[in-house]
C-alpha atoms as a PDB file:
ATOM      1  CA  UNK A   1       0.043 -19.245   5.826  1.00  0.00           C
ATOM      2  CA  UNK A   2       1.060 -16.415   3.515  1.00  0.00           C
ATOM      3  CA  UNK A   3       0.805 -18.846   0.615  1.00  0.00           C
ATOM      4  CA  UNK A   4      -2.769 -19.718   1.570  1.00  0.00           C
ATOM      5  CA  UNK A   5      -3.652 -16.025   1.659  1.00  0.00           C
ATOM      6  CA  UNK A   6      -2.142 -15.454  -1.796  1.00  0.00           C
ATOM      7  CA  UNK A   7      -3.907 -18.461  -3.296  1.00  0.00           C
ATOM      8  CA  UNK A   8      -7.267 -17.436  -1.832  1.00  0.00           C
ATOM      9  CA  UNK A   9      -6.939 -14.019  -3.454  1.00  0.00           C
ATOM     10  CA  UNK A  10      -6.237 -15.557  -6.879  1.00  0.00           C
ATOM     11  CA  UNK A  11      -9.627 -14.937  -8.476  1.00  0.00           C
ATOM     12  CA  UNK A  12      -8.437 -15.873 -11.960  1.00  0.00           C
ATOM     13  CA  UNK A  13      -8.066 -19.579 -11.260  1.00  0.00           C
ATOM     14  CA  UNK A  14     -11.147 -20.773  -9.362  1.00  0.00           C
ATOM     15  CA  UNK A  15      -9.844 -24.358  -9.195  1.00  0.00           C
ATOM     16  CA  UNK A  16      -6.797 -23.173  -7.225  1.00  0.00           C
ATOM     17  CA  UNK A  17      -9.070 -21.299  -4.834  1.00  0.00           C
ATOM     18  CA  UNK A  18     -11.252 -24.360  -4.364  1.00  0.00           C
ATOM     19  CA  UNK A  19      -8.290 -26.643  -3.694  1.00  0.00           C
ATOM     20  CA  UNK A  20      -6.777 -24.091  -1.317  1.00  0.00           C
ATOM     21  CA  UNK A  21     -10.013 -23.940   0.656  1.00  0.00           C
ATOM     22  CA  UNK A  22     -10.150 -27.722   0.890  1.00  0.00           C
ATOM     23  CA  UNK A  23      -6.550 -27.906   2.120  1.00  0.00           C
ATOM     24  CA  UNK A  24      -7.133 -25.084   4.582  1.00  0.00           C
ATOM     25  CA  UNK A  25     -10.190 -26.918   5.903  1.00  0.00           C
ATOM     26  CA  UNK A  26      -8.094 -30.031   6.536  1.00  0.00           C
ATOM     27  CA  UNK A  27      -5.465 -27.986   8.372  1.00  0.00           C
ATOM     28  CA  UNK A  28      -8.098 -26.250  10.502  1.00  0.00           C
ATOM     29  CA  UNK A  29      -9.780 -29.540  11.408  1.00  0.00           C
ATOM     30  CA  UNK A  30      -6.442 -30.993  12.508  1.00  0.00           C
ATOM     31  CA  UNK A  31      -5.562 -27.823  14.419  1.00  0.00           C
ATOM     32  CA  UNK A  32      -8.861 -27.932  16.320  1.00  0.00           C
ATOM     33  CA  UNK A  33      -7.900 -31.270  17.880  1.00  0.00           C
ATOM     34  CA  UNK A  34      -5.403 -29.531  20.173  1.00  0.00           C
ATOM     35  CA  UNK A  35      -6.166 -25.807  19.910  1.00  0.00           C
ATOM     36  CA  UNK A  36      -3.783 -24.773  22.696  1.00  0.00           C
ATOM     37  CA  UNK A  37      -0.784 -26.256  20.899  1.00  0.00           C
ATOM     38  CA  UNK A  38      -1.899 -24.793  17.572  1.00  0.00           C
ATOM     39  CA  UNK A  39      -2.327 -21.221  18.801  1.00  0.00           C
ATOM     40  CA  UNK A  40       0.445 -20.062  16.443  1.00  0.00           C
ATOM     41  CA  UNK A  41      -1.477 -21.520  13.500  1.00  0.00           C
ATOM     42  CA  UNK A  42      -4.621 -19.599  14.441  1.00  0.00           C
ATOM     43  CA  UNK A  43      -2.588 -16.439  15.106  1.00  0.00           C
ATOM     44  CA  UNK A  44      -1.079 -16.678  11.615  1.00  0.00           C
ATOM     45  CA  UNK A  45      -4.580 -17.101  10.170  1.00  0.00           C
ATOM     46  CA  UNK A  46      -5.619 -13.858  11.838  1.00  0.00           C
ATOM     47  CA  UNK A  47      -2.409 -12.039  10.882  1.00  0.00           C
ATOM     48  CA  UNK A  48      -2.768 -13.030   7.212  1.00  0.00           C
ATOM     49  CA  UNK A  49      -6.487 -12.105   7.200  1.00  0.00           C
ATOM     50  CA  UNK A  50      -7.645 -15.538   6.060  1.00  0.00           C
ATOM     51  CA  UNK A  51     -11.059 -14.931   7.658  1.00  0.00           C
ATOM     52  CA  UNK A  52     -11.403 -11.711   5.671  1.00  0.00           C
ATOM     53  CA  UNK A  53     -10.617 -13.611   2.486  1.00  0.00           C
ATOM     54  CA  UNK A  54     -13.298 -16.179   3.309  1.00  0.00           C
ATOM     55  CA  UNK A  55     -15.817 -13.420   3.954  1.00  0.00           C
ATOM     56  CA  UNK A  56     -14.899 -11.837   0.606  1.00  0.00           C
ATOM     57  CA  UNK A  57     -15.519 -15.151  -1.149  1.00  0.00           C
ATOM     58  CA  UNK A  58     -18.907 -15.505   0.520  1.00  0.00           C
ATOM     59  CA  UNK A  59     -19.801 -11.902  -0.269  1.00  0.00           C
ATOM     60  CA  UNK A  60     -19.097 -12.504  -3.948  1.00  0.00           C
ATOM     61  CA  UNK A  61     -22.271 -14.571  -4.394  1.00  0.00           C
ATOM     62  CA  UNK A  62     -24.203 -12.764  -7.103  1.00  0.00           C
ATOM     63  CA  UNK A  63     -26.819 -14.849  -8.856  1.00  0.00           C
ATOM     64  CA  UNK A  64     -25.626 -18.388  -8.286  1.00  0.00           C
ATOM     65  CA  UNK A  65     -23.837 -20.342  -5.590  1.00  0.00           C
ATOM     66  CA  UNK A  66     -20.753 -22.176  -6.824  1.00  0.00           C
ATOM     67  CA  UNK A  67     -18.670 -25.005  -5.386  1.00  0.00           C
ATOM     68  CA  UNK A  68     -16.236 -22.365  -4.131  1.00  0.00           C
ATOM     69  CA  UNK A  69     -18.965 -20.744  -2.033  1.00  0.00           C
ATOM     70  CA  UNK A  70     -20.143 -24.087  -0.678  1.00  0.00           C
ATOM     71  CA  UNK A  71     -16.598 -25.048   0.314  1.00  0.00           C
ATOM     72  CA  UNK A  72     -16.050 -21.693   2.018  1.00  0.00           C
ATOM     73  CA  UNK A  73     -19.136 -22.246   4.144  1.00  0.00           C
END
């Protein structure tokens, strides 16, 4: 999880951010199948402030919506 948080904060390389969001989405979808067993995964997401990073990406919409914003949604 710390790696995901670091990659989401990498604003220089948008392609890395986009790929990180896609991978994170796959992990979250798989974790939602059995949420009780994956409670550590969700706890690590909260501890590493992944939700805050997603909110920051969505808040960065200025004049146009990019693929990064669409993937974050």
